[in-house]
Amino acid sequence: MTGETANVVPPRPGAGGPGRPEPVEKRPVEKRFDPLRPGAGRPDPSRPIGGRVVPAGSRGIDEILTAARARLLRLTPEAAHLACRAGAVLVDIRPAGQRAATGAVPGALAVERNVLEWRFDPRCPARLPIAGYDLPVIVLCEEGFTSSLAAAALLDLGVHRATDVRGGFVAWRTAGLPAFRPDGTRPAAARSTATATTPTPATPPGIADGPAGDTDGAAGPGRDGLTWARSRGQGVAGGR
């Protein structure tokens, strides 16, 4: 070099010499709440389940289902059939694919679960013409689980005569009640409904216990589908 000063930048302390990157200071990453990751954020550490912690105030689906059924006077298929003959509306909330695969109930109103509240809320512009607070609605799903949650949702809307069918369509078909085959062309063979049209005082339909663990909110002694429909309000016709 001929008398000129080279523009050399002295290395910073701890940089490891010229040409080497300066070490990056690592900062702790703040743990943020992530709704897609159970237990992320600031959960309640007092309730560990399966190695994970349960957020405070949350409820499991079994607890939610039990609470929903405690609000319902649930009906066996036989009692539901009688209530429909008395004017109650049977609402099948199963998806179209499921109805096509397993069959359907003649005369049931198909309203899928994802639009149920909008169709039966009397205050909603998208409601059905029959929607009303006094309308007796009996919700039917495949096995009687989703229907309980759906019926409880209708109660929240003020449709106070809503309930569901214990055991769902599977129990309905097993009971030999009228049901279309999956092809939808004709009803499958059904047992005689003579006892359904004339309730027997000794053992009203719908009184016997259903499957184990499915007795919540069942129709009690002395109640059948007809008395249920009439006891939930005067008349069966709904209004806006």
Protein backbone atom coordinates (compact mmCIF):
# COMPACT_ATOMS: atom_id res chain seq x y z
CA MET A 1 0.00 0.00 0.00
CA THR A 2 1.43 3.48 -0.92
CA GLY A 3 0.70 5.70 2.06
CA GLU A 4 -3.10 5.28 1.87
CA THR A 5 -5.00 4.07 4.87
CA ALA A 6 -7.05 0.95 4.19
CA ASN A 7 -10.69 1.11 5.18
CA VAL A 8 -10.52 -1.81 7.52
CA VAL A 9 -13.31 -2.13 10.09
CA PRO A 10 -11.96 -3.68 13.25
CA PRO A 11 -13.89 -6.73 14.36
CA ARG A 12 -16.44 -6.24 17.07
CA PRO A 13 -15.82 -7.91 20.36
CA GLY A 14 -17.03 -11.45 20.27
CA ALA A 15 -17.55 -11.47 16.50
CA GLY A 16 -14.97 -14.18 16.00
CA GLY A 17 -12.78 -12.24 13.60
CA PRO A 18 -13.23 -10.55 10.23
CA GLY A 19 -15.46 -12.33 7.72
CA ARG A 20 -17.40 -14.21 10.37
CA PRO A 21 -21.01 -13.34 11.25
CA GLU A 22 -21.74 -11.70 14.51
CA PRO A 23 -23.50 -14.07 16.93
CA VAL A 24 -27.25 -13.46 17.02
CA GLU A 25 -28.73 -12.93 20.43
CA LYS A 26 -31.42 -15.54 21.08
CA ARG A 27 -34.55 -14.33 22.78
CA PRO A 28 -37.13 -16.56 24.42
CA VAL A 29 -40.19 -17.13 22.23
CA GLU A 30 -43.44 -16.20 23.92
CA LYS A 31 -45.94 -19.05 24.03
CA ARG A 32 -49.10 -17.89 22.31
CA PHE A 33 -52.61 -19.27 22.40
CA ASP A 34 -53.37 -21.61 19.53
CA PRO A 35 -57.00 -22.85 19.30
CA LEU A 36 -55.89 -25.75 17.09
CA ARG A 37 -53.47 -27.08 19.70
CA PRO A 38 -55.21 -28.44 22.80
CA GLY A 39 -53.48 -27.17 25.90
CA ALA A 40 -51.64 -24.31 24.16
CA GLY A 41 -51.57 -20.93 25.80
CA ARG A 42 -52.27 -20.61 29.51
CA PRO A 43 -54.33 -23.69 30.45
CA ASP A 44 -55.40 -24.72 33.90
CA PRO A 45 -52.62 -27.04 35.16
CA SER A 46 -54.91 -28.45 37.83
CA ARG A 47 -56.80 -30.71 35.42
CA PRO A 48 -54.36 -32.98 33.60
CA ILE A 49 -55.95 -35.64 31.37
CA GLY A 50 -53.94 -38.09 29.29
CA GLY A 51 -50.77 -36.06 29.58
CA ARG A 52 -52.58 -32.90 28.45
CA VAL A 53 -54.14 -30.13 30.43
CA VAL A 54 -57.79 -29.18 30.03
CA PRO A 55 -58.62 -25.46 29.65
CA ALA A 56 -60.51 -24.08 32.62
CA GLY A 57 -64.24 -23.81 32.05
CA SER A 58 -64.35 -26.27 29.16
CA ARG A 59 -66.64 -29.32 29.04
CA GLY A 60 -66.21 -32.70 27.41
CA ILE A 61 -68.73 -33.94 24.88
CA ASP A 62 -70.12 -36.51 27.32
CA GLU A 63 -70.87 -33.76 29.81
CA ILE A 64 -72.44 -31.59 27.11
CA LEU A 65 -74.60 -34.48 25.88
CA THR A 66 -75.76 -35.34 29.41
CA ALA A 67 -76.71 -31.71 30.07
CA ALA A 68 -78.64 -31.54 26.78
CA ARG A 69 -80.60 -34.72 27.50
CA ALA A 70 -81.47 -33.54 30.99
CA ARG A 71 -83.53 -30.80 29.35
CA LEU A 72 -85.48 -33.15 27.06
CA LEU A 73 -88.41 -35.50 27.46
CA ARG A 74 -86.92 -38.01 25.05
CA LEU A 75 -89.19 -40.42 23.16
CA THR A 76 -88.77 -44.01 22.12
CA PRO A 77 -89.49 -44.68 18.43
CA GLU A 78 -92.98 -46.00 19.25
CA ALA A 79 -93.86 -42.91 21.28
CA ALA A 80 -92.43 -40.65 18.59
CA HIS A 81 -94.55 -42.42 15.98
CA LEU A 82 -97.68 -41.79 18.04
CA ALA A 83 -96.74 -38.14 18.56
CA CYS A 84 -96.36 -37.69 14.80
CA ARG A 85 -99.81 -39.15 14.28
CA ALA A 86 -101.07 -36.54 16.74
CA GLY A 87 -99.49 -33.72 14.75
CA ALA A 88 -95.85 -33.46 15.87
CA VAL A 89 -93.25 -32.83 13.16
CA LEU A 90 -90.54 -35.46 12.74
CA VAL A 91 -87.37 -33.76 11.51
CA ASP A 92 -84.61 -35.92 10.00
CA ILE A 93 -81.32 -34.02 10.41
CA ARG A 94 -79.10 -36.66 8.76
CA PRO A 95 -77.09 -35.72 5.65
CA ALA A 96 -78.60 -36.71 2.31
CA GLY A 97 -75.86 -39.30 1.76
CA GLN A 98 -76.68 -41.03 5.03
CA ARG A 99 -80.39 -41.10 4.29
CA ALA A 100 -79.67 -42.56 0.86
CA ALA A 101 -77.42 -45.23 2.37
CA THR A 102 -79.61 -46.38 5.27
CA GLY A 103 -83.18 -45.34 4.46
CA ALA A 104 -85.67 -42.75 5.66
CA VAL A 105 -88.97 -42.34 7.48
CA PRO A 106 -92.04 -41.65 5.33
CA GLY A 107 -93.40 -38.18 6.02
CA ALA A 108 -90.32 -36.98 7.90
CA LEU A 109 -89.14 -33.46 7.13
CA ALA A 110 -85.50 -33.53 5.99
CA VAL A 111 -83.63 -30.54 7.41
CA GLU A 112 -79.91 -31.15 7.71
CA ARG A 113 -78.17 -30.29 10.95
CA ASN A 114 -76.10 -27.40 9.57
CA VAL A 115 -79.23 -25.33 8.81
CA LEU A 116 -81.61 -26.56 11.53
CA GLU A 117 -81.61 -23.43 13.72
CA TRP A 118 -82.10 -21.11 10.74
CA ARG A 119 -85.13 -23.13 9.55
CA PHE A 120 -86.88 -23.32 12.94
CA ASP A 121 -86.07 -19.97 14.53
CA PRO A 122 -89.34 -18.01 14.25
CA ARG A 123 -87.31 -14.77 14.18
CA CYS A 124 -85.09 -15.81 11.26
CA PRO A 125 -85.89 -14.66 7.70
CA ALA A 126 -84.77 -18.10 6.47
CA ARG A 127 -87.30 -19.95 8.64
CA LEU A 128 -89.72 -22.53 7.34
CA PRO A 129 -93.40 -21.53 7.11
CA ILE A 130 -94.26 -23.97 9.91
CA ALA A 131 -91.68 -22.55 12.34
CA GLY A 132 -93.17 -21.47 15.64
CA TYR A 133 -92.42 -21.47 19.34
CA ASP A 134 -95.29 -23.89 20.04
CA LEU A 135 -94.45 -26.31 17.24
CA PRO A 136 -93.85 -29.86 18.55
CA VAL A 137 -90.60 -30.92 16.89
CA ILE A 138 -89.11 -34.41 17.21
CA VAL A 139 -85.53 -34.58 15.94
CA LEU A 140 -84.21 -37.78 14.38
CA CYS A 141 -80.59 -38.67 13.60
CA GLU A 142 -78.93 -42.01 12.89
CA GLU A 143 -78.37 -43.28 16.45
CA GLY A 144 -79.82 -40.65 18.80
CA PHE A 145 -76.74 -38.68 19.79
CA THR A 146 -76.58 -35.67 17.48
CA SER A 147 -80.35 -35.34 17.72
CA SER A 148 -80.13 -34.64 21.47
CA LEU A 149 -77.74 -31.73 20.90
CA ALA A 150 -79.90 -30.45 18.05
CA ALA A 151 -83.10 -30.61 20.10
CA ALA A 152 -81.41 -28.73 22.94
CA ALA A 153 -80.39 -26.05 20.43
CA LEU A 154 -84.05 -25.65 19.44
CA LEU A 155 -84.95 -25.23 23.10
CA ASP A 156 -82.41 -22.40 23.25
CA LEU A 157 -84.31 -20.73 20.41
CA GLY A 158 -87.54 -20.91 22.42
CA VAL A 159 -89.04 -23.88 20.56
CA HIS A 160 -90.07 -25.34 23.90
CA ARG A 161 -91.75 -28.49 22.57
CA ALA A 162 -88.62 -29.87 20.91
CA THR A 163 -87.28 -33.32 21.75
CA ASP A 164 -85.60 -36.25 20.00
CA VAL A 165 -85.88 -39.99 19.33
CA ARG A 166 -83.92 -42.33 21.55
CA GLY A 167 -81.76 -44.61 19.42
CA GLY A 168 -82.40 -42.60 16.25
CA PHE A 169 -83.28 -44.13 12.89
CA VAL A 170 -81.52 -47.37 13.80
CA ALA A 171 -83.94 -47.92 16.70
CA TRP A 172 -86.88 -46.74 14.58
CA ARG A 173 -86.14 -49.34 11.91
CA THR A 174 -85.42 -52.06 14.50
CA ALA A 175 -88.82 -51.39 16.09
CA GLY A 176 -90.45 -52.25 12.78
CA LEU A 177 -91.96 -48.81 12.26
CA PRO A 178 -92.61 -47.51 8.72
CA ALA A 179 -89.34 -46.84 6.95
CA PHE A 180 -88.20 -46.56 3.36
CA ARG A 181 -85.44 -48.81 2.14
CA PRO A 182 -82.19 -47.18 0.98
CA ASP A 183 -83.40 -47.29 -2.64
CA GLY A 184 -86.31 -45.06 -1.61
CA THR A 185 -88.77 -46.86 -3.86
CA ARG A 186 -91.07 -48.50 -1.34
CA PRO A 187 -91.47 -48.89 2.42
CA ALA A 188 -89.79 -51.84 4.02
CA ALA A 189 -92.03 -54.39 5.70
CA ALA A 190 -93.25 -52.98 9.00
CA ARG A 191 -95.01 -54.61 11.90
CA SER A 192 -98.64 -53.86 12.58
CA THR A 193 -99.24 -50.46 14.13
CA ALA A 194 -102.62 -51.41 15.58
CA THR A 195 -101.27 -50.96 19.08
CA ALA A 196 -99.91 -47.58 18.03
CA THR A 197 -103.28 -46.31 16.84
CA THR A 198 -105.00 -47.51 20.03
CA PRO A 199 -102.70 -47.08 23.05
CA THR A 200 -102.99 -49.85 25.64
CA PRO A 201 -103.57 -48.47 29.16
CA ALA A 202 -101.54 -51.27 30.80
CA THR A 203 -98.29 -50.59 28.95
CA PRO A 204 -98.32 -47.41 26.87
CA PRO A 205 -95.82 -47.43 23.97
CA GLY A 206 -92.52 -45.77 24.64
CA ILE A 207 -92.34 -46.59 28.34
CA ALA A 208 -89.81 -49.43 28.31
CA ASP A 209 -86.19 -48.50 28.85
CA GLY A 210 -84.01 -48.28 25.78
CA PRO A 211 -80.38 -49.39 25.41
CA ALA A 212 -78.20 -49.23 28.51
CA GLY A 213 -77.04 -45.72 29.25
CA ASP A 214 -79.79 -44.16 27.14
CA THR A 215 -82.53 -43.54 29.71
CA ASP A 216 -81.97 -39.82 30.25
CA GLY A 217 -85.14 -37.80 29.89
CA ALA A 218 -87.20 -40.76 28.73
CA ALA A 219 -90.97 -40.71 28.73
CA GLY A 220 -92.09 -41.70 32.20
CA PRO A 221 -94.84 -44.08 33.29
CA GLY A 222 -98.27 -43.14 32.04
CA ARG A 223 -96.92 -41.05 29.16
CA ASP A 224 -97.07 -42.08 25.50
CA GLY A 225 -96.58 -40.19 22.27
CA LEU A 226 -100.12 -38.82 22.20
CA THR A 227 -100.06 -37.49 25.74
CA TRP A 228 -96.59 -36.08 25.16
CA ALA A 229 -97.72 -34.12 22.12
CA ARG A 230 -100.75 -32.76 23.96
CA SER A 231 -98.95 -32.05 27.23
CA ARG A 232 -96.40 -29.80 25.55
CA GLY A 233 -99.03 -27.14 24.83
CA GLN A 234 -102.55 -26.65 23.58
CA GLY A 235 -102.92 -28.04 20.08
CA VAL A 236 -100.17 -29.10 17.74
CA ALA A 237 -100.16 -26.44 15.04
CA GLY A 238 -97.28 -24.01 15.13
CA GLY A 239 -97.34 -20.38 14.26
CA ARG A 240 -94.89 -17.62 13.63
